């Protein structure tokens, strides 16, 4: 009688997902360093207190809505509903672009109330932190643009490779949304 070796199945994360999560962790650490520096500099004095313009709250609602539409698009992608998959993906891209426009208008509103980039460290921190986040949003928009191109050019077919590509896109986009919510709460509660 021959002994059988039990087969164990390892839960493996796809290397691309692992790389994305490592990148997200490093971005989170960078923003943790920014907000930590903010707290240290605030304690040093010469700190201008101001209220964030409402445009930053509107942009927050926009990025939350874009995460919802992107997740719904993924749901319909997996259900072979091409019209809703493509339509919601396009809406997500438009909302992502709207987020950037609202951020820019928020910076203009800050400038209009006398909070300029170089006037006081408190304003400088808001511009720099939100600006670096906006740069990451540009990367997310690049991924969304690619997703939209694939959605409209390629025939709708659910494959492992396409699911993975979509999951990478929506995981990064959700991360950016959560990161912005953290930053807005940080700015509001400080």
N, C-alpha and C. Protein backbone atom coordinates (compact mmCIF):
# COMPACT_ATOMS: atom_id res chain seq x y z
N UNK A 1 0.84 -1.18 0.00
CA UNK A 1 0.00 0.00 0.00
C UNK A 1 0.89 1.25 0.00
N UNK A 2 0.63 2.11 -0.92
CA UNK A 2 1.45 3.29 -1.12
C UNK A 2 0.86 4.46 -0.34
N UNK A 3 1.71 5.20 0.36
CA UNK A 3 1.24 6.36 1.13
C UNK A 3 0.97 7.52 0.17
N UNK A 4 -0.10 8.18 0.40
CA UNK A 4 -0.42 9.35 -0.43
C UNK A 4 -0.04 10.61 0.31
N UNK A 5 0.51 11.50 -0.42
CA UNK A 5 0.89 12.79 0.15
C UNK A 5 -0.28 13.74 -0.06
N UNK A 6 -0.77 14.32 1.04
CA UNK A 6 -1.92 15.22 0.87
C UNK A 6 -1.55 16.44 0.04
N UNK A 7 -2.43 16.78 -0.85
CA UNK A 7 -2.24 17.96 -1.69
C UNK A 7 -2.80 19.17 -0.96
N UNK A 8 -2.01 20.17 -0.83
CA UNK A 8 -2.50 21.40 -0.22
C UNK A 8 -2.53 22.48 -1.28
N UNK A 9 -3.56 23.24 -1.21
CA UNK A 9 -3.69 24.34 -2.17
C UNK A 9 -3.28 25.62 -1.47
N UNK A 10 -2.31 26.28 -2.03
CA UNK A 10 -1.87 27.55 -1.46
C UNK A 10 -2.67 28.68 -2.09
N UNK A 11 -3.07 29.57 -1.23
CA UNK A 11 -3.72 30.77 -1.74
C UNK A 11 -2.62 31.72 -2.18
N UNK A 12 -2.54 31.92 -3.45
CA UNK A 12 -1.50 32.79 -3.99
C UNK A 12 -2.14 34.06 -4.52
N UNK A 13 -1.48 35.14 -4.24
CA UNK A 13 -1.92 36.41 -4.81
C UNK A 13 -1.16 36.59 -6.11
N UNK A 14 -1.85 37.08 -7.10
CA UNK A 14 -1.23 37.31 -8.40
C UNK A 14 -0.08 38.31 -8.23
N UNK A 15 1.03 38.10 -8.89
CA UNK A 15 2.18 39.01 -8.74
C UNK A 15 1.85 40.47 -9.06
N UNK A 16 0.97 40.70 -10.03
CA UNK A 16 0.61 42.09 -10.35
C UNK A 16 -0.21 42.71 -9.23
N UNK A 17 -1.09 41.93 -8.60
CA UNK A 17 -1.85 42.44 -7.46
C UNK A 17 -0.91 42.72 -6.29
N UNK A 18 0.03 41.82 -6.07
CA UNK A 18 1.01 42.01 -5.00
C UNK A 18 1.80 43.30 -5.23
N UNK A 19 2.24 43.51 -6.45
CA UNK A 19 2.99 44.73 -6.78
C UNK A 19 2.14 45.98 -6.56
N UNK A 20 0.86 45.90 -6.93
CA UNK A 20 -0.04 47.04 -6.71
C UNK A 20 -0.17 47.34 -5.22
N UNK A 21 -0.35 46.31 -4.41
CA UNK A 21 -0.53 46.53 -2.97
C UNK A 21 0.76 47.06 -2.33
N UNK A 22 1.90 46.61 -2.82
CA UNK A 22 3.18 47.16 -2.33
C UNK A 22 3.26 48.64 -2.69
N UNK A 23 2.88 48.98 -3.93
CA UNK A 23 2.90 50.38 -4.36
C UNK A 23 1.93 51.22 -3.52
N UNK A 24 0.74 50.69 -3.28
CA UNK A 24 -0.25 51.41 -2.46
C UNK A 24 0.26 51.60 -1.04
N UNK A 25 0.91 50.57 -0.49
CA UNK A 25 1.47 50.69 0.87
C UNK A 25 2.55 51.77 0.92
N UNK A 26 3.38 51.83 -0.11
CA UNK A 26 4.43 52.87 -0.11
C UNK A 26 3.81 54.26 -0.27
N UNK A 27 2.75 54.36 -1.07
CA UNK A 27 2.07 55.66 -1.20
C UNK A 27 1.42 56.06 0.13
N UNK A 28 0.82 55.10 0.80
CA UNK A 28 0.21 55.38 2.10
C UNK A 28 1.26 55.86 3.09
N UNK A 29 2.43 55.24 3.06
CA UNK A 29 3.51 55.66 3.95
C UNK A 29 3.98 57.08 3.62
N UNK A 30 4.03 57.41 2.34
CA UNK A 30 4.44 58.76 1.94
C UNK A 30 3.44 59.79 2.47
N UNK A 31 2.14 59.50 2.32
CA UNK A 31 1.14 60.44 2.80
C UNK A 31 1.09 60.48 4.32
N UNK A 32 1.41 59.37 4.98
CA UNK A 32 1.51 59.37 6.44
C UNK A 32 2.67 60.28 6.86
N UNK A 33 3.76 60.24 6.11
CA UNK A 33 4.89 61.13 6.40
C UNK A 33 4.51 62.59 6.18
N UNK A 34 3.77 62.87 5.11
CA UNK A 34 3.31 64.25 4.86
C UNK A 34 2.44 64.75 6.00
N UNK A 35 1.47 63.93 6.41
CA UNK A 35 0.55 64.39 7.46
C UNK A 35 1.27 64.47 8.81
N UNK A 36 2.25 63.62 9.01
CA UNK A 36 3.05 63.69 10.24
C UNK A 36 3.86 65.00 10.26
N UNK A 37 4.46 65.34 9.13
CA UNK A 37 5.21 66.59 9.02
C UNK A 37 4.28 67.79 9.24
N UNK A 38 3.06 67.68 8.74
CA UNK A 38 2.06 68.73 8.93
C UNK A 38 1.84 68.97 10.43
N UNK A 39 1.65 67.89 11.19
CA UNK A 39 1.39 68.00 12.63
C UNK A 39 2.59 68.61 13.35
N UNK A 40 3.78 68.16 13.00
CA UNK A 40 5.00 68.68 13.63
C UNK A 40 5.16 70.17 13.33
N UNK A 41 4.96 70.54 12.06
CA UNK A 41 5.11 71.96 11.68
C UNK A 41 4.03 72.83 12.30
N UNK A 42 2.83 72.30 12.42
CA UNK A 42 1.73 73.04 13.04
C UNK A 42 2.06 73.37 14.50
N UNK A 43 2.69 72.45 15.19
CA UNK A 43 3.03 72.67 16.59
C UNK A 43 4.13 73.72 16.77
N UNK A 44 4.88 73.99 15.71
CA UNK A 44 5.98 74.97 15.79
C UNK A 44 5.48 76.41 15.80
N UNK A 45 4.21 76.64 15.51
CA UNK A 45 3.68 77.99 15.52
C UNK A 45 3.66 78.62 14.14
N UNK A 46 3.26 79.93 14.08
CA UNK A 46 3.13 80.64 12.82
C UNK A 46 2.24 79.86 11.86
N UNK A 47 1.08 79.50 12.33
CA UNK A 47 0.18 78.62 11.57
C UNK A 47 -1.12 79.35 11.29
N UNK A 48 -1.48 79.49 10.04
CA UNK A 48 -2.70 80.17 9.64
C UNK A 48 -3.87 79.19 9.69
N UNK A 49 -4.89 79.53 10.45
CA UNK A 49 -6.10 78.70 10.52
C UNK A 49 -7.06 79.17 9.43
N UNK A 50 -7.62 78.24 8.68
CA UNK A 50 -8.59 78.58 7.65
C UNK A 50 -9.49 77.37 7.42
N UNK A 51 -10.63 77.65 6.83
CA UNK A 51 -11.59 76.60 6.51
C UNK A 51 -11.41 76.21 5.04
N UNK A 52 -11.40 74.90 4.78
CA UNK A 52 -11.29 74.46 3.39
C UNK A 52 -12.52 74.89 2.61
N UNK A 53 -12.35 75.35 1.39
CA UNK A 53 -13.51 75.69 0.55
C UNK A 53 -14.39 74.46 0.30
N UNK A 54 -15.68 74.70 0.14
CA UNK A 54 -16.64 73.61 -0.09
C UNK A 54 -16.32 72.78 -1.32
N UNK A 55 -15.59 73.34 -2.26
CA UNK A 55 -15.24 72.59 -3.47
C UNK A 55 -14.50 71.30 -3.14
N UNK A 56 -13.73 71.28 -2.06
CA UNK A 56 -13.03 70.06 -1.67
C UNK A 56 -14.01 68.98 -1.20
N UNK A 57 -15.12 69.41 -0.62
CA UNK A 57 -16.15 68.44 -0.20
C UNK A 57 -16.92 67.93 -1.42
N UNK A 58 -17.14 68.81 -2.39
CA UNK A 58 -17.80 68.37 -3.63
C UNK A 58 -16.92 67.37 -4.38
N UNK A 59 -15.61 67.63 -4.39
CA UNK A 59 -14.71 66.70 -5.07
C UNK A 59 -14.71 65.35 -4.35
N UNK A 60 -14.86 65.37 -3.04
CA UNK A 60 -14.92 64.12 -2.27
C UNK A 60 -16.15 63.32 -2.66
N UNK A 61 -17.29 63.98 -2.76
CA UNK A 61 -18.51 63.29 -3.19
C UNK A 61 -18.32 62.71 -4.59
N UNK A 62 -17.62 63.46 -5.44
CA UNK A 62 -17.39 63.02 -6.81
C UNK A 62 -16.53 61.76 -6.85
N UNK A 63 -15.47 61.72 -6.06
CA UNK A 63 -14.59 60.54 -6.10
C UNK A 63 -15.27 59.32 -5.46
N UNK A 64 -16.12 59.55 -4.45
CA UNK A 64 -16.88 58.44 -3.87
C UNK A 64 -17.84 57.88 -4.90
N UNK A 65 -18.54 58.76 -5.59
CA UNK A 65 -19.47 58.33 -6.64
C UNK A 65 -18.73 57.60 -7.76
N UNK A 66 -17.54 58.05 -8.09
CA UNK A 66 -16.78 57.38 -9.15
C UNK A 66 -16.37 55.97 -8.73
N UNK A 67 -16.08 55.77 -7.47
CA UNK A 67 -15.77 54.42 -6.99
C UNK A 67 -16.98 53.51 -7.09
N UNK A 68 -18.14 54.06 -6.79
CA UNK A 68 -19.39 53.28 -6.87
C UNK A 68 -19.67 52.90 -8.32
N UNK A 69 -19.52 53.86 -9.24
CA UNK A 69 -19.80 53.55 -10.65
C UNK A 69 -18.78 52.57 -11.22
N UNK A 70 -17.53 52.67 -10.78
CA UNK A 70 -16.51 51.74 -11.26
C UNK A 70 -16.79 50.33 -10.76
N UNK A 71 -17.18 50.22 -9.50
CA UNK A 71 -17.50 48.90 -8.96
C UNK A 71 -18.72 48.30 -9.66
N UNK A 72 -19.70 49.15 -9.94
CA UNK A 72 -20.89 48.68 -10.68
C UNK A 72 -20.51 48.26 -12.09
N UNK A 73 -19.60 48.98 -12.71
CA UNK A 73 -19.14 48.61 -14.05
C UNK A 73 -18.49 47.23 -14.03
N UNK A 74 -17.68 46.97 -13.02
CA UNK A 74 -17.04 45.66 -12.88
C UNK A 74 -18.09 44.56 -12.69
N UNK A 75 -19.10 44.86 -11.90
CA UNK A 75 -20.19 43.91 -11.68
C UNK A 75 -20.85 43.54 -13.01
N UNK A 76 -21.17 44.56 -13.81
CA UNK A 76 -21.83 44.31 -15.09
C UNK A 76 -20.87 43.70 -16.12
N UNK A 77 -19.59 44.00 -16.00
CA UNK A 77 -18.59 43.34 -16.86
C UNK A 77 -18.66 41.83 -16.64
N UNK A 78 -18.68 41.42 -15.37
CA UNK A 78 -18.73 39.99 -15.06
C UNK A 78 -20.07 39.34 -15.39
N UNK A 79 -21.12 40.14 -15.53
CA UNK A 79 -22.46 39.62 -15.85
C UNK A 79 -22.75 39.71 -17.35
N UNK A 80 -21.74 40.06 -18.13
CA UNK A 80 -21.85 40.19 -19.59
C UNK A 80 -22.89 41.20 -20.04
N UNK A 81 -23.09 42.24 -19.26
CA UNK A 81 -23.98 43.32 -19.64
C UNK A 81 -23.11 44.44 -20.23
N UNK A 82 -22.87 44.35 -21.51
CA UNK A 82 -21.93 45.24 -22.18
C UNK A 82 -22.33 46.70 -22.08
N UNK A 83 -23.60 47.00 -22.24
CA UNK A 83 -24.05 48.40 -22.25
C UNK A 83 -23.78 49.07 -20.90
N UNK A 84 -24.18 48.41 -19.82
CA UNK A 84 -23.96 49.02 -18.50
C UNK A 84 -22.48 49.02 -18.11
N UNK A 85 -21.77 47.96 -18.47
CA UNK A 85 -20.32 47.90 -18.20
C UNK A 85 -19.61 49.07 -18.86
N UNK A 86 -19.85 49.28 -20.13
CA UNK A 86 -19.18 50.37 -20.85
C UNK A 86 -19.66 51.74 -20.38
N UNK A 87 -20.97 51.88 -20.22
CA UNK A 87 -21.53 53.17 -19.81
C UNK A 87 -21.04 53.62 -18.46
N UNK A 88 -21.05 52.71 -17.48
CA UNK A 88 -20.60 53.07 -16.13
C UNK A 88 -19.10 53.32 -16.08
N UNK A 89 -18.34 52.62 -16.92
CA UNK A 89 -16.91 52.86 -16.99
C UNK A 89 -16.63 54.26 -17.53
N UNK A 90 -17.39 54.65 -18.54
CA UNK A 90 -17.26 56.00 -19.09
C UNK A 90 -17.66 57.06 -18.07
N UNK A 91 -18.74 56.80 -17.33
CA UNK A 91 -19.17 57.73 -16.27
C UNK A 91 -18.08 57.87 -15.22
N UNK A 92 -17.43 56.75 -14.87
CA UNK A 92 -16.34 56.79 -13.89
C UNK A 92 -15.21 57.69 -14.37
N UNK A 93 -14.85 57.56 -15.63
CA UNK A 93 -13.79 58.40 -16.18
C UNK A 93 -14.18 59.88 -16.12
N UNK A 94 -15.40 60.19 -16.47
CA UNK A 94 -15.88 61.58 -16.42
C UNK A 94 -15.86 62.10 -14.99
N UNK A 95 -16.29 61.27 -14.03
CA UNK A 95 -16.26 61.68 -12.62
C UNK A 95 -14.82 61.87 -12.13
N UNK A 96 -13.91 61.01 -12.59
CA UNK A 96 -12.50 61.17 -12.22
C UNK A 96 -11.92 62.48 -12.73
N UNK A 97 -12.25 62.82 -13.96
CA UNK A 97 -11.81 64.10 -14.52
C UNK A 97 -12.45 65.26 -13.76
N UNK A 98 -13.72 65.10 -13.39
CA UNK A 98 -14.42 66.13 -12.61
C UNK A 98 -13.76 66.34 -11.26
N UNK A 99 -13.29 65.25 -10.64
CA UNK A 99 -12.58 65.36 -9.37
C UNK A 99 -11.37 66.29 -9.52
N UNK A 100 -10.60 66.08 -10.57
CA UNK A 100 -9.42 66.94 -10.78
C UNK A 100 -9.80 68.39 -11.01
N UNK A 101 -10.84 68.62 -11.79
CA UNK A 101 -11.30 69.99 -12.04
C UNK A 101 -11.74 70.64 -10.73
N UNK A 102 -12.48 69.90 -9.90
CA UNK A 102 -12.93 70.45 -8.62
C UNK A 102 -11.75 70.72 -7.69
N UNK A 103 -10.73 69.86 -7.72
CA UNK A 103 -9.54 70.10 -6.92
C UNK A 103 -8.87 71.41 -7.34
N UNK A 104 -8.73 71.59 -8.64
CA UNK A 104 -8.11 72.82 -9.16
C UNK A 104 -8.94 74.04 -8.74
N UNK A 105 -10.25 73.93 -8.87
CA UNK A 105 -11.11 75.05 -8.44
C UNK A 105 -11.00 75.28 -6.93
N UNK A 106 -10.80 74.21 -6.18
CA UNK A 106 -10.58 74.34 -4.73
C UNK A 106 -9.30 75.11 -4.44
N UNK A 107 -8.24 74.82 -5.21
CA UNK A 107 -6.99 75.56 -5.03
C UNK A 107 -7.18 77.03 -5.38
N UNK A 108 -7.95 77.29 -6.44
CA UNK A 108 -8.24 78.70 -6.79
C UNK A 108 -9.03 79.39 -5.69
N UNK A 109 -9.98 78.67 -5.09
CA UNK A 109 -10.77 79.24 -3.99
C UNK A 109 -9.89 79.51 -2.78
N UNK A 110 -8.93 78.63 -2.51
CA UNK A 110 -7.98 78.89 -1.42
C UNK A 110 -7.20 80.16 -1.69
N UNK A 111 -6.73 80.29 -2.91
CA UNK A 111 -5.98 81.48 -3.30
C UNK A 111 -6.83 82.74 -3.14
N UNK A 112 -8.12 82.62 -3.49
CA UNK A 112 -9.02 83.78 -3.41
C UNK A 112 -9.24 84.24 -1.98
N UNK A 113 -9.13 83.34 -1.00
CA UNK A 113 -9.32 83.76 0.40
C UNK A 113 -7.98 84.12 1.07
N UNK A 114 -6.93 84.19 0.26
CA UNK A 114 -5.63 84.63 0.78
C UNK A 114 -4.72 83.51 1.23
N UNK A 115 -5.10 82.27 0.99
CA UNK A 115 -4.25 81.14 1.34
C UNK A 115 -3.50 80.74 0.07
N UNK A 116 -2.31 81.30 -0.06
CA UNK A 116 -1.51 81.03 -1.25
C UNK A 116 -0.48 79.96 -0.95
N UNK A 117 0.12 79.45 -2.00
CA UNK A 117 1.10 78.37 -1.86
C UNK A 117 2.27 78.78 -0.97
N UNK A 118 2.72 80.02 -1.09
CA UNK A 118 3.93 80.44 -0.36
C UNK A 118 3.68 81.39 0.80
N UNK A 119 2.42 81.69 1.10
CA UNK A 119 2.13 82.66 2.15
C UNK A 119 2.41 82.13 3.55
N UNK A 120 1.92 80.91 3.83
CA UNK A 120 2.03 80.34 5.16
C UNK A 120 2.21 78.82 5.03
N UNK A 121 2.94 78.21 5.94
CA UNK A 121 3.15 76.76 5.85
C UNK A 121 1.85 75.95 5.84
N UNK A 122 0.82 76.42 6.53
CA UNK A 122 -0.44 75.67 6.56
C UNK A 122 -1.03 75.54 5.16
N UNK A 123 -1.04 76.63 4.42
CA UNK A 123 -1.55 76.59 3.05
C UNK A 123 -0.64 75.77 2.14
N UNK A 124 0.67 75.92 2.35
CA UNK A 124 1.62 75.16 1.54
C UNK A 124 1.40 73.66 1.67
N UNK A 125 1.17 73.22 2.91
CA UNK A 125 0.93 71.79 3.13
C UNK A 125 -0.31 71.31 2.40
N UNK A 126 -1.37 72.09 2.44
CA UNK A 126 -2.61 71.69 1.76
C UNK A 126 -2.38 71.59 0.25
N UNK A 127 -1.72 72.59 -0.31
CA UNK A 127 -1.44 72.57 -1.75
C UNK A 127 -0.56 71.37 -2.13
N UNK A 128 0.50 71.17 -1.38
CA UNK A 128 1.45 70.10 -1.73
C UNK A 128 0.81 68.72 -1.56
N UNK A 129 0.17 68.49 -0.42
CA UNK A 129 -0.41 67.16 -0.18
C UNK A 129 -1.53 66.86 -1.18
N UNK A 130 -2.42 67.83 -1.38
CA UNK A 130 -3.51 67.58 -2.34
C UNK A 130 -2.97 67.53 -3.77
N UNK A 131 -1.90 68.27 -4.04
CA UNK A 131 -1.29 68.23 -5.37
C UNK A 131 -0.62 66.90 -5.67
N UNK A 132 0.06 66.34 -4.69
CA UNK A 132 0.69 65.02 -4.88
C UNK A 132 -0.40 63.96 -5.05
N UNK A 133 -1.49 64.11 -4.30
CA UNK A 133 -2.62 63.18 -4.49
C UNK A 133 -3.18 63.32 -5.90
N UNK A 134 -3.30 64.54 -6.37
CA UNK A 134 -3.82 64.77 -7.73
C UNK A 134 -2.91 64.13 -8.78
N UNK A 135 -1.60 64.14 -8.53
CA UNK A 135 -0.67 63.49 -9.46
C UNK A 135 -0.94 61.98 -9.50
N UNK A 136 -1.25 61.40 -8.36
CA UNK A 136 -1.60 59.98 -8.34
C UNK A 136 -2.94 59.72 -9.04
N UNK A 137 -3.85 60.69 -8.90
CA UNK A 137 -5.13 60.59 -9.61
C UNK A 137 -4.89 60.55 -11.12
N UNK A 138 -3.91 61.32 -11.60
CA UNK A 138 -3.58 61.28 -13.03
C UNK A 138 -3.18 59.87 -13.46
N UNK A 139 -2.43 59.18 -12.61
CA UNK A 139 -2.08 57.79 -12.90
C UNK A 139 -3.32 56.91 -12.94
N UNK A 140 -4.23 57.12 -11.99
CA UNK A 140 -5.48 56.37 -11.99
C UNK A 140 -6.33 56.67 -13.21
N UNK A 141 -6.33 57.93 -13.64
CA UNK A 141 -7.07 58.28 -14.85
C UNK A 141 -6.46 57.61 -16.09
N UNK A 142 -5.14 57.49 -16.10
CA UNK A 142 -4.49 56.77 -17.19
C UNK A 142 -4.97 55.33 -17.27
N UNK A 143 -5.09 54.69 -16.11
CA UNK A 143 -5.60 53.31 -16.06
C UNK A 143 -7.05 53.26 -16.50
N UNK A 144 -7.85 54.25 -16.09
CA UNK A 144 -9.25 54.30 -16.51
C UNK A 144 -9.38 54.53 -18.01
N UNK A 145 -8.55 55.38 -18.56
CA UNK A 145 -8.59 55.63 -20.01
C UNK A 145 -8.27 54.34 -20.76
N UNK A 146 -7.26 53.62 -20.30
CA UNK A 146 -6.94 52.32 -20.92
C UNK A 146 -8.12 51.35 -20.80
N UNK A 147 -8.76 51.34 -19.64
CA UNK A 147 -9.92 50.46 -19.44
C UNK A 147 -11.05 50.82 -20.39
N UNK A 148 -11.28 52.12 -20.58
CA UNK A 148 -12.34 52.56 -21.50
C UNK A 148 -11.98 52.17 -22.94
N UNK A 149 -10.74 52.36 -23.33
CA UNK A 149 -10.31 51.97 -24.68
C UNK A 149 -10.53 50.48 -24.89
N UNK A 150 -10.10 49.67 -23.92
CA UNK A 150 -10.31 48.22 -24.03
C UNK A 150 -11.80 47.88 -24.10
N UNK A 151 -12.60 48.57 -23.30
CA UNK A 151 -14.04 48.28 -23.25
C UNK A 151 -14.71 48.54 -24.59
N UNK A 152 -14.29 49.60 -25.28
CA UNK A 152 -14.97 49.98 -26.51
C UNK A 152 -14.34 49.39 -27.77
N UNK A 153 -13.09 49.00 -27.70
CA UNK A 153 -12.43 48.45 -28.89
C UNK A 153 -12.51 46.93 -28.93
N UNK A 154 -12.25 46.30 -27.80
CA UNK A 154 -12.26 44.83 -27.76
C UNK A 154 -13.69 44.31 -27.60
N UNK A 155 -13.97 43.17 -28.20
CA UNK A 155 -15.29 42.56 -27.95
C UNK A 155 -15.39 42.18 -26.48
N UNK A 156 -16.59 42.33 -25.93
CA UNK A 156 -16.80 42.04 -24.51
C UNK A 156 -16.70 40.53 -24.28
N UNK A 157 -15.64 40.15 -23.58
CA UNK A 157 -15.43 38.76 -23.24
C UNK A 157 -14.79 38.73 -21.86
N UNK A 158 -15.37 37.97 -20.93
CA UNK A 158 -14.83 37.86 -19.59
C UNK A 158 -13.75 36.77 -19.59
N UNK A 159 -12.51 37.20 -19.45
CA UNK A 159 -11.39 36.27 -19.35
C UNK A 159 -10.63 36.56 -18.06
N UNK A 160 -9.78 35.65 -17.65
CA UNK A 160 -8.97 35.87 -16.45
C UNK A 160 -8.10 37.11 -16.58
N UNK A 161 -7.49 37.28 -17.74
CA UNK A 161 -6.60 38.43 -17.95
C UNK A 161 -7.37 39.75 -17.87
N UNK A 162 -8.54 39.79 -18.47
CA UNK A 162 -9.33 41.03 -18.44
C UNK A 162 -9.88 41.30 -17.04
N UNK A 163 -10.27 40.23 -16.33
CA UNK A 163 -10.74 40.42 -14.96
C UNK A 163 -9.61 40.98 -14.09
N UNK A 164 -8.43 40.42 -14.25
CA UNK A 164 -7.29 40.90 -13.48
C UNK A 164 -7.01 42.37 -13.78
N UNK A 165 -6.99 42.73 -15.05
CA UNK A 165 -6.73 44.12 -15.44
C UNK A 165 -7.77 45.05 -14.82
N UNK A 166 -9.02 44.65 -14.87
CA UNK A 166 -10.10 45.47 -14.30
C UNK A 166 -9.95 45.56 -12.78
N UNK A 167 -9.63 44.44 -12.13
CA UNK A 167 -9.46 44.44 -10.68
C UNK A 167 -8.30 45.34 -10.25
N UNK A 168 -7.22 45.32 -10.99
CA UNK A 168 -6.10 46.20 -10.69
C UNK A 168 -6.52 47.66 -10.79
N UNK A 169 -7.29 47.96 -11.83
CA UNK A 169 -7.76 49.34 -12.02
C UNK A 169 -8.67 49.77 -10.89
N UNK A 170 -9.67 48.94 -10.57
CA UNK A 170 -10.60 49.40 -9.53
C UNK A 170 -9.98 49.36 -8.15
N UNK A 171 -9.04 48.47 -7.88
CA UNK A 171 -8.37 48.48 -6.57
C UNK A 171 -7.55 49.76 -6.40
N UNK A 172 -6.83 50.15 -7.44
CA UNK A 172 -6.05 51.38 -7.35
C UNK A 172 -6.97 52.60 -7.21
N UNK A 173 -8.05 52.62 -7.97
CA UNK A 173 -8.98 53.76 -7.90
C UNK A 173 -9.63 53.85 -6.53
N UNK A 174 -10.06 52.71 -5.97
CA UNK A 174 -10.65 52.71 -4.63
C UNK A 174 -9.61 53.18 -3.59
N UNK A 175 -8.38 52.75 -3.76
CA UNK A 175 -7.32 53.19 -2.85
C UNK A 175 -7.17 54.72 -2.89
N UNK A 176 -7.16 55.27 -4.10
CA UNK A 176 -7.02 56.73 -4.22
C UNK A 176 -8.21 57.45 -3.59
N UNK A 177 -9.40 56.91 -3.73
CA UNK A 177 -10.58 57.50 -3.11
C UNK A 177 -10.49 57.47 -1.59
N UNK A 178 -10.11 56.32 -1.04
CA UNK A 178 -9.97 56.20 0.42
C UNK A 178 -8.86 57.12 0.93
N UNK A 179 -7.79 57.22 0.17
CA UNK A 179 -6.70 58.11 0.55
C UNK A 179 -7.18 59.56 0.60
N UNK A 180 -7.98 59.97 -0.39
CA UNK A 180 -8.48 61.35 -0.38
C UNK A 180 -9.41 61.58 0.81
N UNK A 181 -10.26 60.61 1.13
CA UNK A 181 -11.16 60.76 2.28
C UNK A 181 -10.33 60.95 3.55
N UNK A 182 -9.28 60.14 3.70
CA UNK A 182 -8.38 60.30 4.85
C UNK A 182 -7.79 61.71 4.88
N UNK A 183 -7.29 62.19 3.74
CA UNK A 183 -6.66 63.51 3.69
C UNK A 183 -7.66 64.61 4.02
N UNK A 184 -8.86 64.51 3.47
CA UNK A 184 -9.87 65.54 3.75
C UNK A 184 -10.23 65.55 5.24
N UNK A 185 -10.42 64.37 5.81
CA UNK A 185 -10.70 64.30 7.25
C UNK A 185 -9.54 64.88 8.05
N UNK A 186 -8.34 64.56 7.63
CA UNK A 186 -7.16 65.08 8.32
C UNK A 186 -7.16 66.61 8.28
N UNK A 187 -7.35 67.19 7.09
CA UNK A 187 -7.35 68.65 6.98
C UNK A 187 -8.49 69.28 7.76
N UNK A 188 -9.63 68.63 7.76
CA UNK A 188 -10.81 69.18 8.43
C UNK A 188 -10.70 69.10 9.96
N UNK A 189 -10.15 68.03 10.46
CA UNK A 189 -10.10 67.81 11.91
C UNK A 189 -8.87 68.41 12.58
N UNK A 190 -7.88 68.84 11.81
CA UNK A 190 -6.67 69.42 12.41
C UNK A 190 -6.90 70.85 12.82
